[in-house]
Every structure is written in structure tokens, then in C-alpha cells.
């Protein structure tokens, strides 16, 4: 059984990072760190409570991305643009969560000829 608290916590964290990114803050390292933590935590939760925790977070992010939540947007900003950027940010994270994890030691697949 998927724990709702787990899904809610990570969805909230990624939505908060989307809001920080909208202010111009550099959040990419925080996003990568949180994705790693979510993967690790999901593996533990899957072992203890049942499969599907990480896909559930990705699905919740897709649902959140479709919401027109203007509470995280400052007054006077380009609201439609900010909502579109938020949607894109959350969908990108959902895609990263559903993709297989990248190898930590593999930096490039470039082949020199």
C-alpha cells in the first residue's frame, strides 16, 4: 500500500523547488539531491509497504503540474508564463523520477573518432 504521506511530502518539496526556481534561484543541485533521496526512500518504502511509491510521486507531480496554483506566483508577474514554467519544471521532474537512474560514475557517452 502506497503511503500518502510519502507522496505528499515529495510532491510538496518539488513544488517548492519549482517556486524557488521561478524567483531565479539556482535549484538544479537541490533537485538532483532530492531526486536521489526520493529514489532511496522509495526503495525502502517499497520493501516495507509495497511497490509503487516513486511512480506515485511522479503521477502526483503530473497532477500538480496541471493545477493553476497562483499562490506561488508573486503579484505583478506574468501569471500564464509562470504557470507554464511551473508545469514544465514539475513534468521534467516526473520524467526524471520514472526514468532509470543514471550511473554515478558515467559522465559521458561521447565517442571520439
C-alpha atoms as a PDB file:
ATOM      1  CA  UNK A   1       0.000   0.000   0.000  1.00  0.00           C
ATOM      2  CA  UNK A   2       1.425   3.352  -1.031  1.00  0.00           C
ATOM      3  CA  UNK A   3       1.824   5.799   1.843  1.00  0.00           C
ATOM      4  CA  UNK A   4       0.053   9.078   1.098  1.00  0.00           C
ATOM      5  CA  UNK A   5       2.394  10.978   3.415  1.00  0.00           C
ATOM      6  CA  UNK A   6       5.385   9.884   1.345  1.00  0.00           C
ATOM      7  CA  UNK A   7       3.781  11.040  -1.907  1.00  0.00           C
ATOM      8  CA  UNK A   8       2.591  14.306  -0.395  1.00  0.00           C
ATOM      9  CA  UNK A   9       5.997  15.120   1.113  1.00  0.00           C
ATOM     10  CA  UNK A  10       7.950  14.710  -2.130  1.00  0.00           C
ATOM     11  CA  UNK A  11       5.286  16.411  -4.261  1.00  0.00           C
ATOM     12  CA  UNK A  12       5.363  19.371  -1.876  1.00  0.00           C
ATOM     13  CA  UNK A  13       9.170  19.516  -1.910  1.00  0.00           C
ATOM     14  CA  UNK A  14       9.359  19.509  -5.704  1.00  0.00           C
ATOM     15  CA  UNK A  15       6.590  22.123  -5.961  1.00  0.00           C
ATOM     16  CA  UNK A  16       8.529  24.299  -3.502  1.00  0.00           C
ATOM     17  CA  UNK A  17      11.651  23.910  -5.656  1.00  0.00           C
ATOM     18  CA  UNK A  18       9.597  24.984  -8.688  1.00  0.00           C
ATOM     19  CA  UNK A  19       8.577  28.128  -6.811  1.00  0.00           C
ATOM     20  CA  UNK A  20      12.206  28.821  -5.858  1.00  0.00           C
ATOM     21  CA  UNK A  21      13.291  28.350  -9.457  1.00  0.00           C
ATOM     22  CA  UNK A  22      10.700  30.917 -10.510  1.00  0.00           C
ATOM     23  CA  UNK A  23      12.391  33.503  -8.271  1.00  0.00           C
ATOM     24  CA  UNK A  24      15.631  32.995 -10.176  1.00  0.00           C
ATOM     25  CA  UNK A  25      17.346  30.831  -7.576  1.00  0.00           C
ATOM     26  CA  UNK A  26      19.618  28.058  -8.856  1.00  0.00           C
ATOM     27  CA  UNK A  27      17.919  24.833  -7.777  1.00  0.00           C
ATOM     28  CA  UNK A  28      19.350  22.177 -10.092  1.00  0.00           C
ATOM     29  CA  UNK A  29      21.697  20.697  -7.473  1.00  0.00           C
ATOM     30  CA  UNK A  30      18.860  20.630  -4.953  1.00  0.00           C
ATOM     31  CA  UNK A  31      16.606  18.922  -7.493  1.00  0.00           C
ATOM     32  CA  UNK A  32      19.206  16.237  -8.210  1.00  0.00           C
ATOM     33  CA  UNK A  33      19.823  15.705  -4.496  1.00  0.00           C
ATOM     34  CA  UNK A  34      16.103  15.422  -3.743  1.00  0.00           C
ATOM     35  CA  UNK A  35      15.570  13.004  -6.631  1.00  0.00           C
ATOM     36  CA  UNK A  36      18.336  10.798  -5.220  1.00  0.00           C
ATOM     37  CA  UNK A  37      16.754  10.947  -1.782  1.00  0.00           C
ATOM     38  CA  UNK A  38      13.330  10.133  -3.224  1.00  0.00           C
ATOM     39  CA  UNK A  39      14.711   7.107  -5.077  1.00  0.00           C
ATOM     40  CA  UNK A  40      16.465   5.797  -1.980  1.00  0.00           C
ATOM     41  CA  UNK A  41      13.478   6.425   0.265  1.00  0.00           C
ATOM     42  CA  UNK A  42      11.101   4.861  -2.280  1.00  0.00           C
ATOM     43  CA  UNK A  43      13.183   1.684  -2.371  1.00  0.00           C
ATOM     44  CA  UNK A  44      12.889   1.428   1.397  1.00  0.00           C
ATOM     45  CA  UNK A  45       9.160   2.154   1.360  1.00  0.00           C
ATOM     46  CA  UNK A  46       8.577  -0.331  -1.468  1.00  0.00           C
ATOM     47  CA  UNK A  47      10.343  -3.037   0.532  1.00  0.00           C
ATOM     48  CA  UNK A  48       8.312  -2.302   3.671  1.00  0.00           C
ATOM     49  CA  UNK A  49       4.909  -1.182   2.402  1.00  0.00           C
ATOM     50  CA  UNK A  50       4.581  -2.437  -1.171  1.00  0.00           C
ATOM     51  CA  UNK A  51       5.656  -1.401  -4.650  1.00  0.00           C
ATOM     52  CA  UNK A  52       4.889   1.829  -6.449  1.00  0.00           C
ATOM     53  CA  UNK A  53       5.991   4.736  -4.277  1.00  0.00           C
ATOM     54  CA  UNK A  54       8.203   6.521  -6.822  1.00  0.00           C
ATOM     55  CA  UNK A  55       5.713   6.174  -9.706  1.00  0.00           C
ATOM     56  CA  UNK A  56       3.046   7.529  -7.345  1.00  0.00           C
ATOM     57  CA  UNK A  57       5.152  10.653  -6.702  1.00  0.00           C
ATOM     58  CA  UNK A  58       5.664  11.096 -10.465  1.00  0.00           C
ATOM     59  CA  UNK A  59       1.918  10.760 -11.055  1.00  0.00           C
ATOM     60  CA  UNK A  60       1.156  13.292  -8.317  1.00  0.00           C
ATOM     61  CA  UNK A  61       3.623  15.748  -9.885  1.00  0.00           C
ATOM     62  CA  UNK A  62       1.824  15.378 -13.207  1.00  0.00           C
ATOM     63  CA  UNK A  63      -1.468  16.117 -11.460  1.00  0.00           C
ATOM     64  CA  UNK A  64       0.056  19.092  -9.626  1.00  0.00           C
ATOM     65  CA  UNK A  65       1.514  20.462 -12.854  1.00  0.00           C
ATOM     66  CA  UNK A  66      -1.971  20.738 -14.344  1.00  0.00           C
ATOM     67  CA  UNK A  67      -3.249  22.823 -11.417  1.00  0.00           C
ATOM     68  CA  UNK A  68      -3.341  26.580 -11.832  1.00  0.00           C
ATOM     69  CA  UNK A  69      -1.893  27.328  -8.404  1.00  0.00           C
ATOM     70  CA  UNK A  70      -1.266  31.073  -8.331  1.00  0.00           C
ATOM     71  CA  UNK A  71      -0.364  31.138  -4.628  1.00  0.00           C
ATOM     72  CA  UNK A  72       3.289  30.515  -5.506  1.00  0.00           C
ATOM     73  CA  UNK A  73       3.418  33.356  -8.043  1.00  0.00           C
ATOM     74  CA  UNK A  74       4.275  36.879  -6.969  1.00  0.00           C
ATOM     75  CA  UNK A  75       1.816  39.652  -7.758  1.00  0.00           C
ATOM     76  CA  UNK A  76       2.548  41.508 -10.976  1.00  0.00           C
ATOM     77  CA  UNK A  77       4.361  38.615 -12.624  1.00  0.00           C
ATOM     78  CA  UNK A  78       3.477  37.050 -15.939  1.00  0.00           C
ATOM     79  CA  UNK A  79       0.998  34.587 -14.442  1.00  0.00           C
ATOM     80  CA  UNK A  80       0.413  32.458 -17.568  1.00  0.00           C
ATOM     81  CA  UNK A  81       4.170  32.300 -18.204  1.00  0.00           C
ATOM     82  CA  UNK A  82       4.933  31.435 -14.588  1.00  0.00           C
ATOM     83  CA  UNK A  83       2.305  28.679 -14.612  1.00  0.00           C
ATOM     84  CA  UNK A  84       3.740  27.276 -17.849  1.00  0.00           C
ATOM     85  CA  UNK A  85       7.274  27.277 -16.385  1.00  0.00           C
ATOM     86  CA  UNK A  86       5.993  25.573 -13.215  1.00  0.00           C
ATOM     87  CA  UNK A  87       4.196  22.948 -15.303  1.00  0.00           C
ATOM     88  CA  UNK A  88       7.330  22.284 -17.361  1.00  0.00           C
ATOM     89  CA  UNK A  89       9.508  22.066 -14.218  1.00  0.00           C
ATOM     90  CA  UNK A  90       7.215  19.556 -12.483  1.00  0.00           C
ATOM     91  CA  UNK A  91       6.763  17.439 -15.617  1.00  0.00           C
ATOM     92  CA  UNK A  92      10.544  17.305 -16.097  1.00  0.00           C
ATOM     93  CA  UNK A  93      10.951  16.024 -12.541  1.00  0.00           C
ATOM     94  CA  UNK A  94       8.181  13.461 -13.065  1.00  0.00           C
ATOM     95  CA  UNK A  95      10.036  12.228 -16.163  1.00  0.00           C
ATOM     96  CA  UNK A  96      13.310  12.035 -14.221  1.00  0.00           C
ATOM     97  CA  UNK A  97      11.632  10.028 -11.468  1.00  0.00           C
ATOM     98  CA  UNK A  98      10.221   7.490 -13.914  1.00  0.00           C
ATOM     99  CA  UNK A  99      13.468   7.158 -15.888  1.00  0.00           C
ATOM    100  CA  UNK A 100      16.064   4.619 -14.798  1.00  0.00           C
ATOM    101  CA  UNK A 101      18.685   6.194 -12.519  1.00  0.00           C
ATOM    102  CA  UNK A 102      21.856   7.335 -14.257  1.00  0.00           C
ATOM    103  CA  UNK A 103      25.098   5.726 -13.209  1.00  0.00           C
ATOM    104  CA  UNK A 104      27.019   7.968 -10.817  1.00  0.00           C
ATOM    105  CA  UNK A 105      30.348   7.141 -12.444  1.00  0.00           C
ATOM    106  CA  UNK A 106      29.189   7.558 -16.039  1.00  0.00           C
ATOM    107  CA  UNK A 107      29.556  11.202 -17.051  1.00  0.00           C
ATOM    108  CA  UNK A 108      29.532  10.989 -20.845  1.00  0.00           C
ATOM    109  CA  UNK A 109      28.771   8.563 -23.619  1.00  0.00           C
ATOM    110  CA  UNK A 110      30.739  10.544 -26.192  1.00  0.00           C
ATOM    111  CA  UNK A 111      32.836   8.549 -28.639  1.00  0.00           C
ATOM    112  CA  UNK A 112      35.810  10.175 -30.257  1.00  0.00           C
ATOM    113  CA  UNK A 113      36.661   9.048 -33.753  1.00  0.00           C
END
